């Protein structure tokens, strides 16, 4: 009999609405956690795709930088070639 008195039980003084509220909150928390899990999984997938695209953009940026450097060297060579004959040739008579 002493064990029965110490066992867990619901007293009649606990309102049914309180029990219902606790059950609803527990269910709602489980539902919320499940939806958050799905959202996080989706965001992880998007992040992986974006990381791949970012890596591709970095490679393309580096290629463009190399092309720009090559163009700059060529422009410098053309400018040097254009300036050199004018500076070394004798002045023309008027």
C-alpha atoms as a PDB file:
ATOM      1  CA  UNK A   1       0.000   0.000   0.000  1.00  0.00           C
ATOM      2  CA  UNK A   2       2.911   2.365   0.700  1.00  0.00           C
ATOM      3  CA  UNK A   3       4.204   1.802  -2.848  1.00  0.00           C
ATOM      4  CA  UNK A   4       0.826   2.745  -4.302  1.00  0.00           C
ATOM      5  CA  UNK A   5       0.833   6.024  -2.390  1.00  0.00           C
ATOM      6  CA  UNK A   6       4.281   6.954  -3.716  1.00  0.00           C
ATOM      7  CA  UNK A   7       3.526   5.996  -7.340  1.00  0.00           C
ATOM      8  CA  UNK A   8       2.964   8.731  -9.900  1.00  0.00           C
ATOM      9  CA  UNK A   9      -0.658   9.572 -10.523  1.00  0.00           C
ATOM     10  CA  UNK A  10      -2.845  12.381 -11.818  1.00  0.00           C
ATOM     11  CA  UNK A  11      -4.850  14.059  -9.176  1.00  0.00           C
ATOM     12  CA  UNK A  12      -8.412  15.170  -9.794  1.00  0.00           C
ATOM     13  CA  UNK A  13      -7.268  18.689  -8.946  1.00  0.00           C
ATOM     14  CA  UNK A  14      -5.276  18.904 -12.238  1.00  0.00           C
ATOM     15  CA  UNK A  15      -7.580  20.414 -14.853  1.00  0.00           C
ATOM     16  CA  UNK A  16      -8.111  18.468 -18.070  1.00  0.00           C
ATOM     17  CA  UNK A  17      -7.370  21.640 -20.045  1.00  0.00           C
ATOM     18  CA  UNK A  18      -3.861  21.731 -18.564  1.00  0.00           C
ATOM     19  CA  UNK A  19      -3.259  18.136 -19.620  1.00  0.00           C
ATOM     20  CA  UNK A  20      -4.640  18.894 -23.082  1.00  0.00           C
ATOM     21  CA  UNK A  21      -2.428  21.983 -23.371  1.00  0.00           C
ATOM     22  CA  UNK A  22       0.681  19.985 -22.438  1.00  0.00           C
ATOM     23  CA  UNK A  23      -0.174  17.270 -24.974  1.00  0.00           C
ATOM     24  CA  UNK A  24      -0.841  19.845 -27.705  1.00  0.00           C
ATOM     25  CA  UNK A  25       2.415  21.675 -26.935  1.00  0.00           C
ATOM     26  CA  UNK A  26       4.348  18.415 -27.078  1.00  0.00           C
ATOM     27  CA  UNK A  27       2.783  17.503 -30.425  1.00  0.00           C
ATOM     28  CA  UNK A  28       3.378  21.017 -31.791  1.00  0.00           C
ATOM     29  CA  UNK A  29       7.019  20.964 -30.712  1.00  0.00           C
ATOM     30  CA  UNK A  30       7.524  17.626 -32.490  1.00  0.00           C
ATOM     31  CA  UNK A  31       5.886  18.965 -35.649  1.00  0.00           C
ATOM     32  CA  UNK A  32       7.976  22.162 -35.505  1.00  0.00           C
ATOM     33  CA  UNK A  33      11.208  20.180 -35.022  1.00  0.00           C
ATOM     34  CA  UNK A  34      10.353  18.001 -38.032  1.00  0.00           C
ATOM     35  CA  UNK A  35       9.717  21.018 -40.274  1.00  0.00           C
ATOM     36  CA  UNK A  36      12.930  22.682 -39.124  1.00  0.00           C
ATOM     37  CA  UNK A  37      14.813  19.500 -39.960  1.00  0.00           C
ATOM     38  CA  UNK A  38      13.422  19.547 -43.505  1.00  0.00           C
ATOM     39  CA  UNK A  39      14.267  23.225 -43.922  1.00  0.00           C
ATOM     40  CA  UNK A  40      17.833  22.697 -42.689  1.00  0.00           C
ATOM     41  CA  UNK A  41      18.281  19.761 -45.067  1.00  0.00           C
ATOM     42  CA  UNK A  42      17.057  21.902 -47.974  1.00  0.00           C
ATOM     43  CA  UNK A  43      19.373  24.750 -47.010  1.00  0.00           C
ATOM     44  CA  UNK A  44      22.334  22.393 -46.764  1.00  0.00           C
ATOM     45  CA  UNK A  45      21.628  21.250 -50.323  1.00  0.00           C
ATOM     46  CA  UNK A  46      21.394  24.837 -51.556  1.00  0.00           C
ATOM     47  CA  UNK A  47      24.620  25.699 -49.762  1.00  0.00           C
ATOM     48  CA  UNK A  48      26.435  22.808 -51.430  1.00  0.00           C
ATOM     49  CA  UNK A  49      25.245  23.955 -54.862  1.00  0.00           C
ATOM     50  CA  UNK A  50      26.250  27.543 -54.109  1.00  0.00           C
ATOM     51  CA  UNK A  51      29.693  26.420 -52.953  1.00  0.00           C
ATOM     52  CA  UNK A  52      30.207  24.614 -56.256  1.00  0.00           C
ATOM     53  CA  UNK A  53      29.064  27.656 -58.226  1.00  0.00           C
ATOM     54  CA  UNK A  54      31.327  29.893 -56.146  1.00  0.00           C
ATOM     55  CA  UNK A  55      34.304  27.678 -56.931  1.00  0.00           C
ATOM     56  CA  UNK A  56      33.471  27.859 -60.654  1.00  0.00           C
ATOM     57  CA  UNK A  57      33.212  31.642 -60.441  1.00  0.00           C
ATOM     58  CA  UNK A  58      36.607  31.840 -58.757  1.00  0.00           C
ATOM     59  CA  UNK A  59      38.167  29.810 -61.570  1.00  0.00           C
ATOM     60  CA  UNK A  60      36.475  32.024 -64.175  1.00  0.00           C
ATOM     61  CA  UNK A  61      37.645  35.145 -62.335  1.00  0.00           C
ATOM     62  CA  UNK A  62      41.221  33.896 -62.337  1.00  0.00           C
ATOM     63  CA  UNK A  63      41.000  33.134 -66.069  1.00  0.00           C
ATOM     64  CA  UNK A  64      39.704  36.642 -66.726  1.00  0.00           C
ATOM     65  CA  UNK A  65      42.493  38.126 -64.636  1.00  0.00           C
ATOM     66  CA  UNK A  66      45.084  36.250 -66.708  1.00  0.00           C
ATOM     67  CA  UNK A  67      43.425  37.356 -69.943  1.00  0.00           C
ATOM     68  CA  UNK A  68      43.366  40.951 -68.750  1.00  0.00           C
ATOM     69  CA  UNK A  69      47.055  40.778 -67.880  1.00  0.00           C
ATOM     70  CA  UNK A  70      47.817  39.398 -71.335  1.00  0.00           C
ATOM     71  CA  UNK A  71      45.776  42.169 -72.978  1.00  0.00           C
ATOM     72  CA  UNK A  72      47.560  44.792 -70.905  1.00  0.00           C
ATOM     73  CA  UNK A  73      50.952  43.452 -72.012  1.00  0.00           C
ATOM     74  CA  UNK A  74      49.847  43.551 -75.650  1.00  0.00           C
ATOM     75  CA  UNK A  75      48.519  47.093 -75.318  1.00  0.00           C
ATOM     76  CA  UNK A  76      51.815  48.165 -73.757  1.00  0.00           C
ATOM     77  CA  UNK A  77      53.712  46.536 -76.642  1.00  0.00           C
ATOM     78  CA  UNK A  78      51.527  48.276 -79.230  1.00  0.00           C
ATOM     79  CA  UNK A  79      51.919  51.642 -77.501  1.00  0.00           C
ATOM     80  CA  UNK A  80      55.668  51.170 -77.341  1.00  0.00           C
ATOM     81  CA  UNK A  81      55.792  50.230 -81.016  1.00  0.00           C
ATOM     82  CA  UNK A  82      53.676  53.224 -82.007  1.00  0.00           C
ATOM     83  CA  UNK A  83      55.680  55.703 -79.927  1.00  0.00           C
ATOM     84  CA  UNK A  84      59.120  54.419 -80.888  1.00  0.00           C
ATOM     85  CA  UNK A  85      59.075  55.237 -84.647  1.00  0.00           C
ATOM     86  CA  UNK A  86      57.727  58.739 -84.036  1.00  0.00           C
ATOM     87  CA  UNK A  87      60.381  59.509 -81.445  1.00  0.00           C
ATOM     88  CA  UNK A  88      63.316  58.146 -83.497  1.00  0.00           C
ATOM     89  CA  UNK A  89      62.346  59.504 -86.906  1.00  0.00           C
ATOM     90  CA  UNK A  90      63.683  62.927 -87.933  1.00  0.00           C
ATOM     91  CA  UNK A  91      61.210  65.769 -87.984  1.00  0.00           C
ATOM     92  CA  UNK A  92      59.489  66.322 -91.304  1.00  0.00           C
ATOM     93  CA  UNK A  93      60.044  69.564 -93.126  1.00  0.00           C
ATOM     94  CA  UNK A  94      57.012  71.767 -93.554  1.00  0.00           C
END
